[in-house]
């Protein structure tokens, strides 16, 4: 996971750093350090896993280098179930 992916995932979910820290069971300074990294986030494997799992539970999928993605490259996207749920809760324009 890159720091840019982490920030993008938060933005996609509309979360601030404090909310992500709470969701992942980590401290705010830990999240801030991770997002301030350049390139790949470095840290304890357990810490990285907790963030990835929190984002996954919230409905965001991290797209790794070489993963199936029409535009290629790394990124983030809603998981299919999260997209369906977002569409269902969106106001209708009739």
Protein backbone atom coordinates (compact mmCIF):
# COMPACT_ATOMS: atom_id res chain seq x y z
CA UNK A 1 0.00 0.00 0.00
CA UNK A 2 1.25 3.45 -0.83
CA UNK A 3 0.64 6.59 1.21
CA UNK A 4 -1.30 8.00 -1.75
CA UNK A 5 -3.57 4.93 -1.79
CA UNK A 6 -4.18 5.33 1.92
CA UNK A 7 -5.15 8.99 1.54
CA UNK A 8 -7.32 8.19 -1.51
CA UNK A 9 -9.11 5.39 0.33
CA UNK A 10 -9.89 7.75 3.21
CA UNK A 11 -11.18 10.36 0.77
CA UNK A 12 -13.33 7.79 -1.03
CA UNK A 13 -14.96 6.91 2.29
CA UNK A 14 -15.15 10.51 3.52
CA UNK A 15 -13.04 9.75 6.60
CA UNK A 16 -10.55 11.90 8.42
CA UNK A 17 -7.33 10.51 9.89
CA UNK A 18 -8.81 10.23 13.38
CA UNK A 19 -11.72 8.12 12.11
CA UNK A 20 -9.36 5.77 10.26
CA UNK A 21 -7.24 5.47 13.39
CA UNK A 22 -10.32 4.49 15.41
CA UNK A 23 -11.51 2.02 12.77
CA UNK A 24 -8.13 0.32 12.64
CA UNK A 25 -7.41 0.46 16.38
CA UNK A 26 -4.28 2.54 15.86
CA UNK A 27 -3.20 5.92 17.18
CA UNK A 28 -3.68 9.13 15.22
CA UNK A 29 0.10 9.79 15.10
CA UNK A 30 0.60 6.33 13.56
CA UNK A 31 -1.88 7.09 10.77
CA UNK A 32 -0.29 10.51 10.24
CA UNK A 33 3.20 8.96 9.95
CA UNK A 34 1.96 6.32 7.53
CA UNK A 35 0.32 8.91 5.28
CA UNK A 36 3.40 11.14 5.38
CA UNK A 37 5.54 8.34 3.90
CA UNK A 38 6.82 8.65 0.37
CA UNK A 39 5.96 5.72 -1.86
CA UNK A 40 5.13 2.47 -0.10
CA UNK A 41 4.03 2.78 3.51
CA UNK A 42 6.64 1.20 5.73
CA UNK A 43 5.94 -0.11 9.16
CA UNK A 44 5.13 -3.12 11.27
CA UNK A 45 3.25 -5.74 9.26
CA UNK A 46 0.50 -5.94 11.91
CA UNK A 47 -0.05 -2.17 11.69
CA UNK A 48 -0.33 -2.23 7.89
CA UNK A 49 -2.66 -5.23 8.07
CA UNK A 50 -4.96 -3.44 10.52
CA UNK A 51 -5.33 -0.46 8.18
CA UNK A 52 -5.94 -2.65 5.12
CA UNK A 53 -8.52 -4.71 7.01
CA UNK A 54 -10.31 -1.58 8.28
CA UNK A 55 -10.52 -0.21 4.74
CA UNK A 56 -11.72 -3.58 3.47
CA UNK A 57 -14.48 -3.73 6.11
CA UNK A 58 -15.53 -0.21 5.09
CA UNK A 59 -15.89 -1.38 1.48
CA UNK A 60 -12.70 -0.17 -0.19
CA UNK A 61 -10.40 -2.35 -2.24
CA UNK A 62 -6.74 -1.49 -2.75
CA UNK A 63 -5.56 -2.06 -6.31
CA UNK A 64 -2.01 -3.35 -6.34
CA UNK A 65 0.58 -2.97 -9.07
CA UNK A 66 -0.28 -5.42 -11.85
CA UNK A 67 -3.85 -6.03 -10.60
CA UNK A 68 -6.70 -6.10 -13.08
CA UNK A 69 -7.63 -2.48 -13.63
CA UNK A 70 -8.65 -0.92 -16.98
CA UNK A 71 -6.28 2.03 -16.58
CA UNK A 72 -3.47 0.04 -14.95
CA UNK A 73 -1.35 1.10 -12.00
CA UNK A 74 -2.18 1.33 -8.33
CA UNK A 75 -5.30 2.85 -6.88
CA UNK A 76 -8.41 2.31 -4.77
CA UNK A 77 -12.01 1.53 -5.59
CA UNK A 78 -15.22 0.54 -3.90
CA UNK A 79 -15.72 -3.20 -3.63
CA UNK A 80 -18.71 -4.46 -5.64
CA UNK A 81 -20.99 -4.84 -2.61
CA UNK A 82 -20.15 -1.30 -1.46
CA UNK A 83 -20.96 0.09 -4.93
CA UNK A 84 -24.33 -1.69 -4.94
CA UNK A 85 -25.13 -0.35 -1.46
CA UNK A 86 -24.11 3.20 -2.44
CA UNK A 87 -26.31 3.03 -5.54
CA UNK A 88 -29.30 1.77 -3.53
CA UNK A 89 -29.01 4.54 -0.94
CA UNK A 90 -28.49 7.31 -3.49
CA UNK A 91 -31.50 9.63 -4.01
CA UNK A 92 -33.43 8.88 -7.17
CA UNK A 93 -33.90 11.45 -9.91
CA UNK A 94 -37.32 10.75 -11.35
